[in-house]
PDB file of N, CA and C in Angstrom:
ATOM      1  N   MET A   1       0.814  -1.193   0.000  1.00  0.00           N
ATOM      2  CA  MET A   1       0.000   0.000   0.000  1.00  0.00           C
ATOM      3  C   MET A   1       0.862   1.262   0.000  1.00  0.00           C
ATOM      4  N   LEU A   2       1.936   1.252   0.752  1.00  0.00           N
ATOM      5  CA  LEU A   2       2.777   2.446   0.807  1.00  0.00           C
ATOM      6  C   LEU A   2       3.362   2.773  -0.558  1.00  0.00           C
ATOM      7  N   LYS A   3       3.836   1.738  -1.234  1.00  0.00           N
ATOM      8  CA  LYS A   3       4.461   1.974  -2.537  1.00  0.00           C
ATOM      9  C   LYS A   3       3.456   2.525  -3.540  1.00  0.00           C
ATOM     10  N   SER A   4       2.186   2.065  -3.457  1.00  0.00           N
ATOM     11  CA  SER A   4       1.184   2.568  -4.395  1.00  0.00           C
ATOM     12  C   SER A   4       0.895   4.045  -4.170  1.00  0.00           C
ATOM     13  N   HIS A   5       1.171   4.533  -2.959  1.00  0.00           N
ATOM     14  CA  HIS A   5       1.006   5.949  -2.662  1.00  0.00           C
ATOM     15  C   HIS A   5       2.323   6.715  -2.824  1.00  0.00           C
ATOM     16  N   GLY A   6       3.413   5.998  -3.105  1.00  0.00           N
ATOM     17  CA  GLY A   6       4.702   6.631  -3.286  1.00  0.00           C
ATOM     18  C   GLY A   6       5.383   7.033  -1.980  1.00  0.00           C
ATOM     19  N   TRP A   7       5.028   6.375  -0.876  1.00  0.00           N
ATOM     20  CA  TRP A   7       5.570   6.704   0.442  1.00  0.00           C
ATOM     21  C   TRP A   7       6.560   5.642   0.892  1.00  0.00           C
ATOM     22  N   SER A   8       7.593   6.071   1.572  1.00  0.00           N
ATOM     23  CA  SER A   8       8.444   5.137   2.301  1.00  0.00           C
ATOM     24  C   SER A   8       7.907   5.075   3.726  1.00  0.00           C
ATOM     25  N   VAL A   9       8.325   4.071   4.478  1.00  0.00           N
ATOM     26  CA  VAL A   9       7.909   3.960   5.870  1.00  0.00           C
ATOM     27  C   VAL A   9       8.365   5.203   6.632  1.00  0.00           C
ATOM     28  N   ARG A  10       9.568   5.645   6.373  1.00  0.00           N
ATOM     29  CA  ARG A  10      10.096   6.829   7.062  1.00  0.00           C
ATOM     30  C   ARG A  10       9.249   8.072   6.766  1.00  0.00           C
ATOM     31  N   GLN A  11       8.896   8.271   5.503  1.00  0.00           N
ATOM     32  CA  GLN A  11       8.089   9.434   5.135  1.00  0.00           C
ATOM     33  C   GLN A  11       6.705   9.374   5.789  1.00  0.00           C
ATOM     34  N   LEU A  12       6.096   8.203   5.746  1.00  0.00           N
ATOM     35  CA  LEU A  12       4.767   8.057   6.327  1.00  0.00           C
ATOM     36  C   LEU A  12       4.809   8.248   7.840  1.00  0.00           C
ATOM     37  N   ALA A  13       5.818   7.702   8.481  1.00  0.00           N
ATOM     38  CA  ALA A  13       5.953   7.858   9.931  1.00  0.00           C
ATOM     39  C   ALA A  13       6.061   9.334  10.292  1.00  0.00           C
ATOM     40  N   ARG A  14       6.870  10.059   9.566  1.00  0.00           N
ATOM     41  CA  ARG A  14       7.021  11.496   9.850  1.00  0.00           C
ATOM     42  C   ARG A  14       5.700  12.240   9.642  1.00  0.00           C
ATOM     43  N   ALA A  15       5.004  11.914   8.554  1.00  0.00           N
ATOM     44  CA  ALA A  15       3.724  12.568   8.267  1.00  0.00           C
ATOM     45  C   ALA A  15       2.675  12.236   9.334  1.00  0.00           C
ATOM     46  N   ALA A  16       2.774  11.031   9.901  1.00  0.00           N
ATOM     47  CA  ALA A  16       1.815  10.600  10.927  1.00  0.00           C
ATOM     48  C   ALA A  16       2.248  11.016  12.329  1.00  0.00           C
ATOM     49  N   GLY A  17       3.467  11.525  12.463  1.00  0.00           N
ATOM     50  CA  GLY A  17       3.947  11.992  13.754  1.00  0.00           C
ATOM     51  C   GLY A  17       4.405  10.900  14.696  1.00  0.00           C
ATOM     52  N   VAL A  18       4.929   9.810  14.134  1.00  0.00           N
ATOM     53  CA  VAL A  18       5.477   8.717  14.945  1.00  0.00           C
ATOM     54  C   VAL A  18       6.871   8.386  14.435  1.00  0.00           C
ATOM     55  N   SER A  19       7.605   7.613  15.215  1.00  0.00           N
ATOM     56  CA  SER A  19       8.947   7.243  14.759  1.00  0.00           C
ATOM     57  C   SER A  19       8.849   6.193  13.660  1.00  0.00           C
ATOM     58  N   ASP A  20       9.820   6.231  12.765  1.00  0.00           N
ATOM     59  CA  ASP A  20       9.812   5.228  11.699  1.00  0.00           C
ATOM     60  C   ASP A  20      10.032   3.834  12.262  1.00  0.00           C
ATOM     61  N   ALA A  21      10.805   3.710  13.348  1.00  0.00           N
ATOM     62  CA  ALA A  21      11.024   2.396  13.962  1.00  0.00           C
ATOM     63  C   ALA A  21       9.706   1.833  14.498  1.00  0.00           C
ATOM     64  N   HIS A  22       8.915   2.677  15.145  1.00  0.00           N
ATOM     65  CA  HIS A  22       7.630   2.209  15.681  1.00  0.00           C
ATOM     66  C   HIS A  22       6.698   1.784  14.558  1.00  0.00           C
ATOM     67  N   LEU A  23       6.557   2.614  13.539  1.00  0.00           N
ATOM     68  CA  LEU A  23       5.673   2.280  12.427  1.00  0.00           C
ATOM     69  C   LEU A  23       6.142   1.006  11.734  1.00  0.00           C
ATOM     70  N   SER A  24       7.423   0.854  11.574  1.00  0.00           N
ATOM     71  CA  SER A  24       7.958  -0.358  10.950  1.00  0.00           C
ATOM     72  C   SER A  24       7.610  -1.599  11.765  1.00  0.00           C
ATOM     73  N   ARG A  25       7.758  -1.505  13.095  1.00  0.00           N
ATOM     74  CA  ARG A  25       7.414  -2.648  13.958  1.00  0.00           C
ATOM     75  C   ARG A  25       5.927  -2.981  13.864  1.00  0.00           C
ATOM     76  N   VAL A  26       5.088  -1.956  13.821  1.00  0.00           N
ATOM     77  CA  VAL A  26       3.644  -2.190  13.712  1.00  0.00           C
ATOM     78  C   VAL A  26       3.325  -2.856  12.374  1.00  0.00           C
ATOM     79  N   LEU A  27       3.893  -2.346  11.306  1.00  0.00           N
ATOM     80  CA  LEU A  27       3.612  -2.907   9.980  1.00  0.00           C
ATOM     81  C   LEU A  27       4.079  -4.350   9.853  1.00  0.00           C
ATOM     82  N   ARG A  28       5.178  -4.674  10.519  1.00  0.00           N
ATOM     83  CA  ARG A  28       5.708  -6.043  10.454  1.00  0.00           C
ATOM     84  C   ARG A  28       5.143  -6.939  11.544  1.00  0.00           C
ATOM     85  N   GLY A  29       4.422  -6.376  12.510  1.00  0.00           N
ATOM     86  CA  GLY A  29       3.855  -7.162  13.594  1.00  0.00           C
ATOM     87  C   GLY A  29       4.897  -7.669  14.579  1.00  0.00           C
ATOM     88  N   VAL A  30       6.004  -6.959  14.701  1.00  0.00           N
ATOM     89  CA  VAL A  30       7.080  -7.370  15.601  1.00  0.00           C
ATOM     90  C   VAL A  30       6.623  -7.213  17.046  1.00  0.00           C
ATOM     91  N   ASN A  31       6.932  -8.209  17.875  1.00  0.00           N
ATOM     92  CA  ASN A  31       6.551  -8.190  19.294  1.00  0.00           C
ATOM     93  C   ASN A  31       5.058  -7.960  19.476  1.00  0.00           C
ATOM     94  N   TYR A  32       4.282  -8.541  18.572  1.00  0.00           N
ATOM     95  CA  TYR A  32       2.820  -8.445  18.627  1.00  0.00           C
ATOM     96  C   TYR A  32       2.313  -7.014  18.560  1.00  0.00           C
ATOM     97  N   LYS A  33       3.083  -6.129  17.955  1.00  0.00           N
ATOM     98  CA  LYS A  33       2.656  -4.745  17.804  1.00  0.00           C
ATOM     99  C   LYS A  33       1.474  -4.685  16.846  1.00  0.00           C
ATOM    100  N   ARG A  34       0.469  -3.941  17.250  1.00  0.00           N
ATOM    101  CA  ARG A  34      -0.701  -3.698  16.408  1.00  0.00           C
ATOM    102  C   ARG A  34      -0.919  -2.194  16.336  1.00  0.00           C
ATOM    103  N   ALA A  35      -1.547  -1.769  15.290  1.00  0.00           N
ATOM    104  CA  ALA A  35      -1.854  -0.348  15.158  1.00  0.00           C
ATOM    105  C   ALA A  35      -2.962   0.029  16.132  1.00  0.00           C
ATOM    106  N   SER A  36      -2.723   1.067  16.904  1.00  0.00           N
ATOM    107  CA  SER A  36      -3.786   1.593  17.761  1.00  0.00           C
ATOM    108  C   SER A  36      -4.778   2.343  16.877  1.00  0.00           C
ATOM    109  N   GLY A  37      -5.919   2.638  17.427  1.00  0.00           N
ATOM    110  CA  GLY A  37      -6.899   3.424  16.687  1.00  0.00           C
ATOM    111  C   GLY A  37      -6.340   4.772  16.295  1.00  0.00           C
ATOM    112  N   ASP A  38      -5.596   5.383  17.214  1.00  0.00           N
ATOM    113  CA  ASP A  38      -5.009   6.691  16.934  1.00  0.00           C
ATOM    114  C   ASP A  38      -3.967   6.612  15.823  1.00  0.00           C
ATOM    115  N   LEU A  39      -3.127   5.591  15.859  1.00  0.00           N
ATOM    116  CA  LEU A  39      -2.119   5.445  14.804  1.00  0.00           C
ATOM    117  C   LEU A  39      -2.792   5.195  13.456  1.00  0.00           C
ATOM    118  N   ALA A  40      -3.814   4.353  13.438  1.00  0.00           N
ATOM    119  CA  ALA A  40      -4.533   4.085  12.189  1.00  0.00           C
ATOM    120  C   ALA A  40      -5.143   5.372  11.635  1.00  0.00           C
ATOM    121  N   ARG A  41      -5.707   6.187  12.512  1.00  0.00           N
ATOM    122  CA  ARG A  41      -6.288   7.465  12.089  1.00  0.00           C
ATOM    123  C   ARG A  41      -5.209   8.388  11.520  1.00  0.00           C
ATOM    124  N   ARG A  42      -4.070   8.481  12.201  1.00  0.00           N
ATOM    125  CA  ARG A  42      -2.987   9.356  11.742  1.00  0.00           C
ATOM    126  C   ARG A  42      -2.444   8.928  10.381  1.00  0.00           C
ATOM    127  N   VAL A  43      -2.287   7.626  10.202  1.00  0.00           N
ATOM    128  CA  VAL A  43      -1.771   7.117   8.926  1.00  0.00           C
ATOM    129  C   VAL A  43      -2.783   7.379   7.815  1.00  0.00           C
ATOM    130  N   ALA A  44      -4.047   7.128   8.102  1.00  0.00           N
ATOM    131  CA  ALA A  44      -5.083   7.376   7.089  1.00  0.00           C
ATOM    132  C   ALA A  44      -5.069   8.842   6.664  1.00  0.00           C
ATOM    133  N   LEU A  45      -5.036   9.743   7.627  1.00  0.00           N
ATOM    134  CA  LEU A  45      -5.040  11.168   7.299  1.00  0.00           C
ATOM    135  C   LEU A  45      -3.774  11.565   6.541  1.00  0.00           C
ATOM    136  N   ALA A  46      -2.635  11.000   6.926  1.00  0.00           N
ATOM    137  CA  ALA A  46      -1.383  11.300   6.220  1.00  0.00           C
ATOM    138  C   ALA A  46      -1.455  10.858   4.761  1.00  0.00           C
ATOM    139  N   LEU A  47      -2.175   9.765   4.516  1.00  0.00           N
ATOM    140  CA  LEU A  47      -2.314   9.258   3.145  1.00  0.00           C
ATOM    141  C   LEU A  47      -3.458   9.930   2.380  1.00  0.00           C
ATOM    142  N   GLY A  48      -4.143  10.863   3.048  1.00  0.00           N
ATOM    143  CA  GLY A  48      -5.254  11.550   2.389  1.00  0.00           C
ATOM    144  C   GLY A  48      -6.525  10.738   2.347  1.00  0.00           C
ATOM    145  N   LEU A  49      -6.652   9.785   3.260  1.00  0.00           N
ATOM    146  CA  LEU A  49      -7.826   8.922   3.333  1.00  0.00           C
ATOM    147  C   LEU A  49      -8.729   9.393   4.472  1.00  0.00           C
ATOM    148  N   PRO A  50      -9.987   8.951   4.496  1.00  0.00           N
ATOM    149  CA  PRO A  50     -10.853   9.287   5.631  1.00  0.00           C
ATOM    150  C   PRO A  50     -10.272   8.712   6.921  1.00  0.00           C
ATOM    151  N   GLU A  51     -10.480   9.407   8.048  1.00  0.00           N
ATOM    152  CA  GLU A  51      -9.887   8.953   9.308  1.00  0.00           C
ATOM    153  C   GLU A  51     -10.357   7.562   9.712  1.00  0.00           C
ATOM    154  N   ASP A  52     -11.527   7.141   9.267  1.00  0.00           N
ATOM    155  CA  ASP A  52     -12.055   5.826   9.637  1.00  0.00           C
ATOM    156  C   ASP A  52     -11.794   4.765   8.556  1.00  0.00           C
ATOM    157  N   TYR A  53     -10.813   4.996   7.711  1.00  0.00           N
ATOM    158  CA  TYR A  53     -10.505   4.078   6.613  1.00  0.00           C
ATOM    159  C   TYR A  53     -10.058   2.697   7.107  1.00  0.00           C
ATOM    160  N   PHE A  54      -9.222   2.669   8.129  1.00  0.00           N
ATOM    161  CA  PHE A  54      -8.684   1.401   8.619  1.00  0.00           C
ATOM    162  C   PHE A  54      -9.572   0.806   9.705  1.00  0.00           C
ATOM    163  N   PRO A  55      -9.745  -0.519   9.704  1.00  0.00           N
ATOM    164  CA  PRO A  55     -10.613  -1.152  10.702  1.00  0.00           C
ATOM    165  C   PRO A  55     -10.127  -0.968  12.140  1.00  0.00           C
ATOM    166  N   GLU A  56      -8.844  -0.772  12.334  1.00  0.00           N
ATOM    167  CA  GLU A  56      -8.318  -0.572  13.690  1.00  0.00           C
ATOM    168  C   GLU A  56      -8.902   0.694  14.327  1.00  0.00           C
ATOM    169  N   TYR A  57      -9.105   1.726  13.523  1.00  0.00           N
ATOM    170  CA  TYR A  57      -9.712   2.948  14.036  1.00  0.00           C
ATOM    171  C   TYR A  57     -11.171   2.694  14.415  1.00  0.00           C
ATOM    172  N   ARG A  58     -11.902   2.033  13.525  1.00  0.00           N
ATOM    173  CA  ARG A  58     -13.316   1.763  13.791  1.00  0.00           C
ATOM    174  C   ARG A  58     -13.485   0.879  15.022  1.00  0.00           C
ATOM    175  N   GLU A  59     -12.619  -0.115  15.165  1.00  0.00           N
ATOM    176  CA  GLU A  59     -12.665  -0.991  16.335  1.00  0.00           C
ATOM    177  C   GLU A  59     -12.426  -0.198  17.618  1.00  0.00           C
ATOM    178  N   ALA A  60     -11.417   0.643  17.620  1.00  0.00           N
ATOM    179  CA  ALA A  60     -11.115   1.451  18.799  1.00  0.00           C
ATOM    180  C   ALA A  60     -12.270   2.392  19.127  1.00  0.00           C
ATOM    181  N   PHE A  61     -12.898   2.954  18.111  1.00  0.00           N
ATOM    182  CA  PHE A  61     -14.039   3.842  18.312  1.00  0.00           C
ATOM    183  C   PHE A  61     -15.186   3.100  18.986  1.00  0.00           C
ATOM    184  N   VAL A  62     -15.506   1.913  18.468  1.00  0.00           N
ATOM    185  CA  VAL A  62     -16.600   1.112  19.027  1.00  0.00           C
ATOM    186  C   VAL A  62     -16.289   0.715  20.472  1.00  0.00           C
ATOM    187  N   ILE A  63     -15.081   0.243  20.718  1.00  0.00           N
ATOM    188  CA  ILE A  63     -14.703  -0.173  22.072  1.00  0.00           C
ATOM    189  C   ILE A  63     -14.781   1.000  23.040  1.00  0.00           C
ATOM    190  N   ASP A  64     -14.329   2.168  22.619  1.00  0.00           N
ATOM    191  CA  ASP A  64     -14.408   3.350  23.478  1.00  0.00           C
ATOM    192  C   ASP A  64     -15.854   3.686  23.809  1.00  0.00           C
ATOM    193  N   ARG A  65     -16.729   3.637  22.822  1.00  0.00           N
ATOM    194  CA  ARG A  65     -18.144   3.934  23.071  1.00  0.00           C
ATOM    195  C   ARG A  65     -18.778   2.909  23.998  1.00  0.00           C
ATOM    196  N   ILE A  66     -18.423   1.654  23.830  1.00  0.00           N
ATOM    197  CA  ILE A  66     -18.964   0.607  24.706  1.00  0.00           C
ATOM    198  C   ILE A  66     -18.488   0.823  26.140  1.00  0.00           C
ATOM    199  N   ARG A  67     -17.231   1.182  26.307  1.00  0.00           N
ATOM    200  CA  ARG A  67     -16.681   1.404  27.646  1.00  0.00           C
ATOM    201  C   ARG A  67     -17.295   2.613  28.331  1.00  0.00           C
ATOM    202  N   THR A  68     -17.635   3.623  27.570  1.00  0.00           N
ATOM    203  CA  THR A  68     -18.106   4.867  28.180  1.00  0.00           C
ATOM    204  C   THR A  68     -19.623   5.032  28.182  1.00  0.00           C
ATOM    205  N   THR A  69     -20.343   4.119  27.557  1.00  0.00           N
ATOM    206  CA  THR A  69     -21.803   4.215  27.497  1.00  0.00           C
ATOM    207  C   THR A  69     -22.399   2.916  28.022  1.00  0.00           C
ATOM    208  N   SER A  70     -22.739   2.911  29.304  1.00  0.00           N
ATOM    209  CA  SER A  70     -23.201   1.666  29.933  1.00  0.00           C
ATOM    210  C   SER A  70     -24.464   1.121  29.285  1.00  0.00           C
ATOM    211  N   SER A  71     -25.363   1.981  28.856  1.00  0.00           N
ATOM    212  CA  SER A  71     -26.598   1.486  28.228  1.00  0.00           C
ATOM    213  C   SER A  71     -26.285   0.786  26.904  1.00  0.00           C
ATOM    214  N   LEU A  72     -25.358   1.309  26.155  1.00  0.00           N
ATOM    215  CA  LEU A  72     -24.950   0.677  24.898  1.00  0.00           C
ATOM    216  C   LEU A  72     -24.294  -0.662  25.175  1.00  0.00           C
ATOM    217  N   ARG A  73     -23.434  -0.691  26.191  1.00  0.00           N
ATOM    218  CA  ARG A  73     -22.754  -1.933  26.566  1.00  0.00           C
ATOM    219  C   ARG A  73     -23.774  -3.012  26.927  1.00  0.00           C
ATOM    220  N   GLU A  74     -24.766  -2.665  27.739  1.00  0.00           N
ATOM    221  CA  GLU A  74     -25.782  -3.638  28.152  1.00  0.00           C
ATOM    222  C   GLU A  74     -26.637  -4.087  26.980  1.00  0.00           C
ATOM    223  N   GLN A  75     -27.000  -3.160  26.121  1.00  0.00           N
ATOM    224  CA  GLN A  75     -27.796  -3.492  24.941  1.00  0.00           C
ATOM    225  C   GLN A  75     -27.036  -4.457  24.030  1.00  0.00           C
ATOM    226  N   LEU A  76     -25.794  -4.171  23.797  1.00  0.00           N
ATOM    227  CA  LEU A  76     -24.980  -5.033  22.939  1.00  0.00           C
ATOM    228  C   LEU A  76     -24.780  -6.398  23.578  1.00  0.00           C
ATOM    229  N   TYR A  77     -24.524  -6.411  24.863  1.00  0.00           N
ATOM    230  CA  TYR A  77     -24.338  -7.681  25.574  1.00  0.00           C
ATOM    231  C   TYR A  77     -25.587  -8.552  25.449  1.00  0.00           C
ATOM    232  N   LYS A  78     -26.735  -7.975  25.696  1.00  0.00           N
ATOM    233  CA  LYS A  78     -27.994  -8.739  25.604  1.00  0.00           C
ATOM    234  C   LYS A  78     -28.202  -9.263  24.188  1.00  0.00           C
ATOM    235  N   ARG A  79     -27.897  -8.440  23.201  1.00  0.00           N
ATOM    236  CA  ARG A  79     -28.087  -8.857  21.814  1.00  0.00           C
ATOM    237  C   ARG A  79     -27.130 -10.002  21.450  1.00  0.00           C
ATOM    238  N   LEU A  80     -25.903  -9.922  21.886  1.00  0.00           N
ATOM    239  CA  LEU A  80     -24.923 -10.943  21.539  1.00  0.00           C
ATOM    240  C   LEU A  80     -25.155 -12.252  22.301  1.00  0.00           C
ATOM    241  N   ARG A  81     -25.757 -12.169  23.471  1.00  0.00           N
ATOM    242  CA  ARG A  81     -26.025 -13.380  24.283  1.00  0.00           C
ATOM    243  C   ARG A  81     -27.146 -14.226  23.703  1.00  0.00           C
ATOM    244  N   ARG A  82     -27.951 -13.669  22.832  1.00  0.00           N
ATOM    245  CA  ARG A  82     -29.086 -14.417  22.248  1.00  0.00           C
ATOM    246  C   ARG A  82     -28.631 -15.575  21.436  1.00  0.00           C
TER     247      ARG A  82
END
């Protein structure tokens, strides 16, 4: 994906405001590194994509809403238990 946009890992890391070493580890999955919702959002915006382009961002958004909205959490729990 980076090459199709003409970006190197170093360039993308700088545009996203993270170290190139960190972004490289996340992209390679080293030490079980995964992209946080915030990192996914930053990378998407750096690439000119919508902030919710990557599923990691959407997942983090949903989890945050579930954690902070008890009624939503209970509703979802009841629905999934069926």
